[in-house]
Amino acid sequence: MIASRSRLGFRKWTAALFDQQLWCFGRDIKRAEGNILLDLGMCVYRPPDPDCGSSVYTAAVEPGGSVFLWGFGAMYSEPGLGGIFLRRYDFAPRLTPLESGLGIHEPKALGRLVAPSTSDDDAKVRALLPGLIGWFAKYEHWIAESFGIAYRESCLICRNAAAAVPAGSMAVEWERAAKKSRRIDFAETASHNPWRRLIAKIRPSRLPAKSKPSNRVIS
């Protein structure tokens, strides 16, 4: 299992790649010659108020998963496992009991998102996350084969930010991320945060004598 320091490095690297991927989805949607996501066979559900909320694009993923894309993030789910959500500009997987993102157009509509904190949570993240990341990789391979690297490069040129990875490397980098995600320990426990241990260690000794806990019952 990869240690917490590597986990933080993985999170920073994939957060930049994920932001770039969502930008590219946006360019694919706005492509002058036609919406690539719809041409691929994805379905789009627009918010009731076009000025409030994000459209959601969805597709079925073999062998039974579903992908949901918004401007603010992405979700992947499988029957019996629930789902995993990734917020844009971050790569901290959050678990959700939802198996569908339909009808959701704002982050708050996702309800309670749970940070993995147990071995069971960690196992669920490592079961679901490669499905989402792997789909990103397949999508970028398809883009390269269908439209050429020059098209993806044109998407990145108009982005007001340095590329996280070159256009021609996006699929390969997602494949590398998928492999790493199977070895990362995602559970966010105190053991992963040395500062929490330090605070827990020094807090009792720094309490004034009169403030120390007492077993006396207040009546």
C-alpha atoms as a PDB file:
ATOM      1  CA  MET A   1       0.000   0.000   0.000  1.00  0.00           C
ATOM      2  CA  ILE A   2       1.299   3.461  -0.879  1.00  0.00           C
ATOM      3  CA  ALA A   3       1.982   5.688   2.159  1.00  0.00           C
ATOM      4  CA  SER A   4       0.270   8.968   3.010  1.00  0.00           C
ATOM      5  CA  ARG A   5       3.037  11.160   1.535  1.00  0.00           C
ATOM      6  CA  SER A   6       2.635   9.442  -1.826  1.00  0.00           C
ATOM      7  CA  ARG A   7      -1.129   9.710  -1.421  1.00  0.00           C
ATOM      8  CA  LEU A   8      -0.852  13.503  -1.147  1.00  0.00           C
ATOM      9  CA  GLY A   9       1.426  13.614  -4.179  1.00  0.00           C
ATOM     10  CA  PHE A  10      -1.023  11.470  -6.119  1.00  0.00           C
ATOM     11  CA  ARG A  11      -3.880  13.756  -5.101  1.00  0.00           C
ATOM     12  CA  LYS A  12      -2.072  16.924  -6.233  1.00  0.00           C
ATOM     13  CA  TRP A  13      -1.033  15.417  -9.565  1.00  0.00           C
ATOM     14  CA  THR A  14      -4.440  13.948 -10.391  1.00  0.00           C
ATOM     15  CA  ALA A  15      -6.274  17.120  -9.286  1.00  0.00           C
ATOM     16  CA  ALA A  16      -4.443  19.074 -11.995  1.00  0.00           C
ATOM     17  CA  LEU A  17      -5.076  16.337 -14.563  1.00  0.00           C
ATOM     18  CA  PHE A  18      -8.753  16.129 -13.563  1.00  0.00           C
ATOM     19  CA  ASP A  19      -9.255  19.890 -13.934  1.00  0.00           C
ATOM     20  CA  GLN A  20      -7.689  19.698 -17.391  1.00  0.00           C
ATOM     21  CA  GLN A  21      -9.956  16.775 -18.292  1.00  0.00           C
ATOM     22  CA  LEU A  22     -13.117  18.648 -17.296  1.00  0.00           C
ATOM     23  CA  TRP A  23     -11.960  21.641 -19.330  1.00  0.00           C
ATOM     24  CA  CYS A  24     -11.528  19.350 -22.332  1.00  0.00           C
ATOM     25  CA  PHE A  25     -15.005  17.874 -21.858  1.00  0.00           C
ATOM     26  CA  GLY A  26     -16.320  21.449 -21.969  1.00  0.00           C
ATOM     27  CA  ARG A  27     -14.478  22.136 -25.232  1.00  0.00           C
ATOM     28  CA  ASP A  28     -15.775  18.848 -26.682  1.00  0.00           C
ATOM     29  CA  ILE A  29     -19.318  19.904 -25.811  1.00  0.00           C
ATOM     30  CA  LYS A  30     -18.884  23.338 -27.434  1.00  0.00           C
ATOM     31  CA  ARG A  31     -17.115  22.047 -30.552  1.00  0.00           C
ATOM     32  CA  ALA A  32     -18.342  24.035 -33.554  1.00  0.00           C
ATOM     33  CA  GLU A  33     -18.842  20.907 -35.666  1.00  0.00           C
ATOM     34  CA  GLY A  34     -21.016  19.246 -33.022  1.00  0.00           C
ATOM     35  CA  ASN A  35     -21.124  18.067 -29.419  1.00  0.00           C
ATOM     36  CA  ILE A  36     -18.652  15.185 -29.172  1.00  0.00           C
ATOM     37  CA  LEU A  37     -20.137  13.769 -25.963  1.00  0.00           C
ATOM     38  CA  LEU A  38     -23.536  13.432 -27.634  1.00  0.00           C
ATOM     39  CA  ASP A  39     -21.924  11.975 -30.770  1.00  0.00           C
ATOM     40  CA  LEU A  40     -20.292   9.373 -28.517  1.00  0.00           C
ATOM     41  CA  GLY A  41     -23.733   8.341 -27.294  1.00  0.00           C
ATOM     42  CA  MET A  42     -23.879  10.080 -23.932  1.00  0.00           C
ATOM     43  CA  CYS A  43     -27.170  11.500 -22.682  1.00  0.00           C
ATOM     44  CA  VAL A  44     -27.508  15.040 -21.358  1.00  0.00           C
ATOM     45  CA  TYR A  45     -29.989  16.293 -18.766  1.00  0.00           C
ATOM     46  CA  ARG A  46     -30.143  20.057 -18.418  1.00  0.00           C
ATOM     47  CA  PRO A  47     -31.122  21.929 -15.247  1.00  0.00           C
ATOM     48  CA  PRO A  48     -34.665  23.325 -15.039  1.00  0.00           C
ATOM     49  CA  ASP A  49     -33.192  26.819 -14.813  1.00  0.00           C
ATOM     50  CA  PRO A  50     -30.409  27.202 -17.404  1.00  0.00           C
ATOM     51  CA  ASP A  51     -28.922  30.052 -15.370  1.00  0.00           C
ATOM     52  CA  CYS A  52     -28.685  27.957 -12.218  1.00  0.00           C
ATOM     53  CA  GLY A  53     -26.857  24.666 -12.099  1.00  0.00           C
ATOM     54  CA  SER A  54     -24.887  22.424 -14.422  1.00  0.00           C
ATOM     55  CA  SER A  55     -26.092  19.980 -17.047  1.00  0.00           C
ATOM     56  CA  VAL A  56     -25.269  16.351 -16.316  1.00  0.00           C
ATOM     57  CA  TYR A  57     -23.882  14.036 -19.002  1.00  0.00           C
ATOM     58  CA  THR A  58     -24.139  10.319 -18.362  1.00  0.00           C
ATOM     59  CA  ALA A  59     -23.038   7.072 -19.969  1.00  0.00           C
ATOM     60  CA  ALA A  60     -23.105   3.376 -19.145  1.00  0.00           C
ATOM     61  CA  VAL A  61     -19.695   1.814 -18.576  1.00  0.00           C
ATOM     62  CA  GLU A  62     -18.971  -1.913 -18.908  1.00  0.00           C
ATOM     63  CA  PRO A  63     -19.391  -4.181 -17.040  1.00  0.00           C
ATOM     64  CA  GLY A  64     -22.238  -2.352 -15.293  1.00  0.00           C
ATOM     65  CA  GLY A  65     -21.056   1.015 -14.046  1.00  0.00           C
ATOM     66  CA  SER A  66     -22.306   4.514 -14.842  1.00  0.00           C
ATOM     67  CA  VAL A  67     -20.433   7.790 -15.333  1.00  0.00           C
ATOM     68  CA  PHE A  68     -21.926  11.209 -14.558  1.00  0.00           C
ATOM     69  CA  LEU A  69     -20.196  14.432 -15.598  1.00  0.00           C
ATOM     70  CA  TRP A  70     -20.854  17.992 -14.432  1.00  0.00           C
ATOM     71  CA  GLY A  71     -18.897  21.204 -14.689  1.00  0.00           C
ATOM     72  CA  PHE A  72     -18.195  20.890 -10.955  1.00  0.00           C
ATOM     73  CA  GLY A  73     -17.057  17.265 -10.871  1.00  0.00           C
ATOM     74  CA  ALA A  74     -17.692  13.653 -11.808  1.00  0.00           C
ATOM     75  CA  MET A  75     -19.303  10.585 -10.298  1.00  0.00           C
ATOM     76  CA  TYR A  76     -18.976   6.877 -10.970  1.00  0.00           C
ATOM     77  CA  SER A  77     -21.274   4.206  -9.570  1.00  0.00           C
ATOM     78  CA  GLU A  78     -21.874   0.475  -9.683  1.00  0.00           C
ATOM     79  CA  PRO A  79     -24.940  -1.495  -8.526  1.00  0.00           C
ATOM     80  CA  GLY A  80     -24.560  -2.611  -4.930  1.00  0.00           C
ATOM     81  CA  LEU A  81     -21.509  -0.425  -4.284  1.00  0.00           C
ATOM     82  CA  GLY A  82     -23.016   3.043  -4.462  1.00  0.00           C
ATOM     83  CA  GLY A  83     -20.943   5.785  -5.977  1.00  0.00           C
ATOM     84  CA  ILE A  84     -17.789   7.833  -5.732  1.00  0.00           C
ATOM     85  CA  PHE A  85     -17.665  11.580  -6.383  1.00  0.00           C
ATOM     86  CA  LEU A  86     -14.710  13.768  -7.337  1.00  0.00           C
ATOM     87  CA  ARG A  87     -14.998  17.525  -6.962  1.00  0.00           C
ATOM     88  CA  ARG A  88     -13.266  19.734  -9.501  1.00  0.00           C
ATOM     89  CA  TYR A  89      -9.924  21.286  -8.434  1.00  0.00           C
ATOM     90  CA  ASP A  90      -9.463  18.458  -5.951  1.00  0.00           C
ATOM     91  CA  PHE A  91      -8.932  14.728  -6.087  1.00  0.00           C
ATOM     92  CA  ALA A  92     -10.249  13.611  -2.731  1.00  0.00           C
ATOM     93  CA  PRO A  93     -12.669  10.730  -3.438  1.00  0.00           C
ATOM     94  CA  ARG A  94     -15.943  10.921  -1.525  1.00  0.00           C
ATOM     95  CA  LEU A  95     -18.372   8.035  -1.135  1.00  0.00           C
ATOM     96  CA  THR A  96     -22.100   8.366  -1.696  1.00  0.00           C
ATOM     97  CA  PRO A  97     -24.933   5.833  -1.437  1.00  0.00           C
ATOM     98  CA  LEU A  98     -26.314   7.248  -4.703  1.00  0.00           C
ATOM     99  CA  GLU A  99     -26.117   5.052  -7.760  1.00  0.00           C
ATOM    100  CA  SER A 100     -27.453   7.740 -10.112  1.00  0.00           C
ATOM    101  CA  GLY A 101     -26.640  11.387 -10.632  1.00  0.00           C
ATOM    102  CA  LEU A 102     -29.764  12.123 -12.637  1.00  0.00           C
ATOM    103  CA  GLY A 103     -31.705  15.117 -11.388  1.00  0.00           C
ATOM    104  CA  ILE A 104     -28.596  16.558  -9.741  1.00  0.00           C
ATOM    105  CA  HIS A 105     -27.403  19.906 -11.077  1.00  0.00           C
ATOM    106  CA  GLU A 106     -25.617  21.417  -8.058  1.00  0.00           C
ATOM    107  CA  PRO A 107     -23.052  19.937  -5.647  1.00  0.00           C
ATOM    108  CA  LYS A 108     -25.354  20.367  -2.639  1.00  0.00           C
ATOM    109  CA  ALA A 109     -27.924  18.093  -4.284  1.00  0.00           C
ATOM    110  CA  LEU A 110     -25.495  15.180  -3.917  1.00  0.00           C
ATOM    111  CA  GLY A 111     -26.294  15.113  -0.217  1.00  0.00           C
ATOM    112  CA  ARG A 112     -23.858  13.765   2.332  1.00  0.00           C
ATOM    113  CA  LEU A 113     -20.506  12.794   0.867  1.00  0.00           C
ATOM    114  CA  VAL A 114     -18.350  10.600   3.070  1.00  0.00           C
ATOM    115  CA  ALA A 115     -14.572  10.763   3.290  1.00  0.00           C
ATOM    116  CA  PRO A 116     -13.177   7.209   3.479  1.00  0.00           C
ATOM    117  CA  SER A 117     -12.109   6.507   7.055  1.00  0.00           C
ATOM    118  CA  THR A 118     -12.208   2.711   7.457  1.00  0.00           C
ATOM    119  CA  SER A 119     -10.701  -0.256   5.679  1.00  0.00           C
ATOM    120  CA  ASP A 120     -14.122  -1.023   4.180  1.00  0.00           C
ATOM    121  CA  ASP A 121     -14.389   2.533   2.866  1.00  0.00           C
ATOM    122  CA  ASP A 122     -10.891   2.301   1.458  1.00  0.00           C
ATOM    123  CA  ALA A 123     -11.704  -0.962  -0.310  1.00  0.00           C
ATOM    124  CA  LYS A 124     -14.816   0.597  -1.841  1.00  0.00           C
ATOM    125  CA  VAL A 125     -12.854   3.605  -3.133  1.00  0.00           C
ATOM    126  CA  ARG A 126     -10.233   1.348  -4.688  1.00  0.00           C
ATOM    127  CA  ALA A 127     -13.005  -0.716  -6.289  1.00  0.00           C
ATOM    128  CA  LEU A 128     -14.807   2.302  -7.806  1.00  0.00           C
ATOM    129  CA  LEU A 129     -12.120   4.867  -8.593  1.00  0.00           C
ATOM    130  CA  PRO A 130     -10.272   2.836 -11.264  1.00  0.00           C
ATOM    131  CA  GLY A 131     -13.580   2.524 -13.124  1.00  0.00           C
ATOM    132  CA  LEU A 132     -13.898   6.296 -13.437  1.00  0.00           C
ATOM    133  CA  ILE A 133     -10.230   6.936 -14.157  1.00  0.00           C
ATOM    134  CA  GLY A 134     -10.131   4.079 -16.636  1.00  0.00           C
ATOM    135  CA  TRP A 135     -13.081   5.579 -18.490  1.00  0.00           C
ATOM    136  CA  PHE A 136     -11.220   8.904 -18.768  1.00  0.00           C
ATOM    137  CA  ALA A 137      -8.292   7.029 -20.314  1.00  0.00           C
ATOM    138  CA  LYS A 138     -10.488   5.217 -22.844  1.00  0.00           C
ATOM    139  CA  TYR A 139     -12.222   8.467 -23.732  1.00  0.00           C
ATOM    140  CA  GLU A 140      -8.934  10.228 -24.439  1.00  0.00           C
ATOM    141  CA  HIS A 141      -7.701   7.296 -26.529  1.00  0.00           C
ATOM    142  CA  TRP A 142     -10.907   7.547 -28.550  1.00  0.00           C
ATOM    143  CA  ILE A 143     -10.472  11.323 -28.956  1.00  0.00           C
ATOM    144  CA  ALA A 144      -6.921  10.839 -30.243  1.00  0.00           C
ATOM    145  CA  GLU A 145      -7.975   8.119 -32.689  1.00  0.00           C
ATOM    146  CA  SER A 146     -11.108   9.928 -33.908  1.00  0.00           C
ATOM    147  CA  PHE A 147      -9.994  13.571 -34.007  1.00  0.00           C
ATOM    148  CA  GLY A 148      -6.211  13.508 -33.717  1.00  0.00           C
ATOM    149  CA  ILE A 149      -3.833  14.926 -31.132  1.00  0.00           C
ATOM    150  CA  ALA A 150      -3.931  18.309 -32.896  1.00  0.00           C
ATOM    151  CA  TYR A 151      -7.586  18.683 -31.933  1.00  0.00           C
ATOM    152  CA  ARG A 152      -6.880  18.063 -28.235  1.00  0.00           C
ATOM    153  CA  GLU A 153      -3.911  20.424 -28.415  1.00  0.00           C
ATOM    154  CA  SER A 154      -6.215  23.134 -29.769  1.00  0.00           C
ATOM    155  CA  CYS A 155      -8.454  22.618 -26.727  1.00  0.00           C
ATOM    156  CA  LEU A 156      -5.534  23.242 -24.370  1.00  0.00           C
ATOM    157  CA  ILE A 157      -4.189  26.259 -26.249  1.00  0.00           C
ATOM    158  CA  CYS A 158      -7.304  28.291 -25.449  1.00  0.00           C
ATOM    159  CA  ARG A 159      -7.144  27.348 -21.758  1.00  0.00           C
ATOM    160  CA  ASN A 160      -5.961  30.100 -19.439  1.00  0.00           C
ATOM    161  CA  ALA A 161      -3.619  27.786 -17.551  1.00  0.00           C
ATOM    162  CA  ALA A 162      -0.520  25.723 -18.160  1.00  0.00           C
ATOM    163  CA  ALA A 163      -1.224  22.169 -19.260  1.00  0.00           C
ATOM    164  CA  ALA A 164      -0.943  19.602 -16.473  1.00  0.00           C
ATOM    165  CA  VAL A 165       0.258  17.099 -19.090  1.00  0.00           C
ATOM    166  CA  PRO A 166       0.650  17.374 -22.882  1.00  0.00           C
ATOM    167  CA  ALA A 167      -2.449  16.658 -24.952  1.00  0.00           C
ATOM    168  CA  GLY A 168      -0.940  13.506 -26.379  1.00  0.00           C
ATOM    169  CA  SER A 169      -0.178  12.106 -22.914  1.00  0.00           C
ATOM    170  CA  MET A 170      -3.589  12.451 -21.271  1.00  0.00           C
ATOM    171  CA  ALA A 171      -4.764   8.893 -21.951  1.00  0.00           C
ATOM    172  CA  VAL A 172      -1.476   7.361 -20.796  1.00  0.00           C
ATOM    173  CA  GLU A 173      -1.416   9.496 -17.650  1.00  0.00           C
ATOM    174  CA  TRP A 174      -4.949   8.390 -16.749  1.00  0.00           C
ATOM    175  CA  GLU A 175      -3.918   4.770 -17.249  1.00  0.00           C
ATOM    176  CA  ARG A 176      -0.980   5.352 -14.905  1.00  0.00           C
ATOM    177  CA  ALA A 177      -3.321   6.988 -12.381  1.00  0.00           C
ATOM    178  CA  ALA A 178      -5.715   4.024 -12.576  1.00  0.00           C
ATOM    179  CA  LYS A 179      -2.900   1.615 -11.693  1.00  0.00           C
ATOM    180  CA  LYS A 180      -1.752   3.789  -8.806  1.00  0.00           C
ATOM    181  CA  SER A 181      -5.276   4.182  -7.463  1.00  0.00           C
ATOM    182  CA  ARG A 182      -5.424   0.449  -6.762  1.00  0.00           C
ATOM    183  CA  ARG A 183      -2.455   0.776  -4.385  1.00  0.00           C
ATOM    184  CA  ILE A 184      -3.263   4.049  -2.612  1.00  0.00           C
ATOM    185  CA  ASP A 185      -4.597   4.002   0.939  1.00  0.00           C
ATOM    186  CA  PHE A 186      -7.390   6.595   0.744  1.00  0.00           C
ATOM    187  CA  ALA A 187      -8.728   6.242   4.297  1.00  0.00           C
ATOM    188  CA  GLU A 188      -8.408   9.648   5.968  1.00  0.00           C
ATOM    189  CA  THR A 189      -7.659   8.689   9.556  1.00  0.00           C
ATOM    190  CA  ALA A 190      -5.609  10.367  12.239  1.00  0.00           C
ATOM    191  CA  SER A 191      -2.748   8.009  11.462  1.00  0.00           C
ATOM    192  CA  HIS A 192      -2.306   9.823   8.140  1.00  0.00           C
ATOM    193  CA  ASN A 193      -1.977  13.204   9.811  1.00  0.00           C
ATOM    194  CA  PRO A 194       1.052  13.584  12.106  1.00  0.00           C
ATOM    195  CA  TRP A 195      -0.254  16.958  13.302  1.00  0.00           C
ATOM    196  CA  ARG A 196      -3.335  15.293  14.754  1.00  0.00           C
ATOM    197  CA  ARG A 197      -1.115  12.948  16.732  1.00  0.00           C
ATOM    198  CA  LEU A 198       0.976  15.873  17.945  1.00  0.00           C
ATOM    199  CA  ILE A 199      -2.095  17.832  19.061  1.00  0.00           C
ATOM    200  CA  ALA A 200      -3.505  14.783  20.819  1.00  0.00           C
ATOM    201  CA  LYS A 201      -0.166  14.292  22.570  1.00  0.00           C
ATOM    202  CA  ILE A 202       0.365  17.852  23.820  1.00  0.00           C
ATOM    203  CA  ARG A 203      -3.191  18.897  24.575  1.00  0.00           C
ATOM    204  CA  PRO A 204      -3.562  17.265  28.041  1.00  0.00           C
ATOM    205  CA  SER A 205      -0.244  18.642  29.345  1.00  0.00           C
ATOM    206  CA  ARG A 206      -1.089  22.171  28.279  1.00  0.00           C
ATOM    207  CA  LEU A 207      -4.367  22.303  30.186  1.00  0.00           C
ATOM    208  CA  PRO A 208      -4.215  24.480  33.311  1.00  0.00           C
ATOM    209  CA  ALA A 209      -4.379  22.410  36.491  1.00  0.00           C
ATOM    210  CA  LYS A 210      -7.811  23.725  37.355  1.00  0.00           C
ATOM    211  CA  SER A 211      -9.094  22.789  33.892  1.00  0.00           C
ATOM    212  CA  LYS A 212      -8.025  19.162  33.969  1.00  0.00           C
ATOM    213  CA  PRO A 213     -10.902  16.705  33.600  1.00  0.00           C
ATOM    214  CA  SER A 214     -12.497  15.505  36.819  1.00  0.00           C
ATOM    215  CA  ASN A 215     -14.550  12.450  37.622  1.00  0.00           C
ATOM    216  CA  ARG A 216     -16.630  14.453  40.084  1.00  0.00           C
ATOM    217  CA  VAL A 217     -20.330  14.400  39.273  1.00  0.00           C
ATOM    218  CA  ILE A 218     -21.942  17.841  39.107  1.00  0.00           C
ATOM    219  CA  SER A 219     -25.254  17.883  40.903  1.00  0.00           C
END
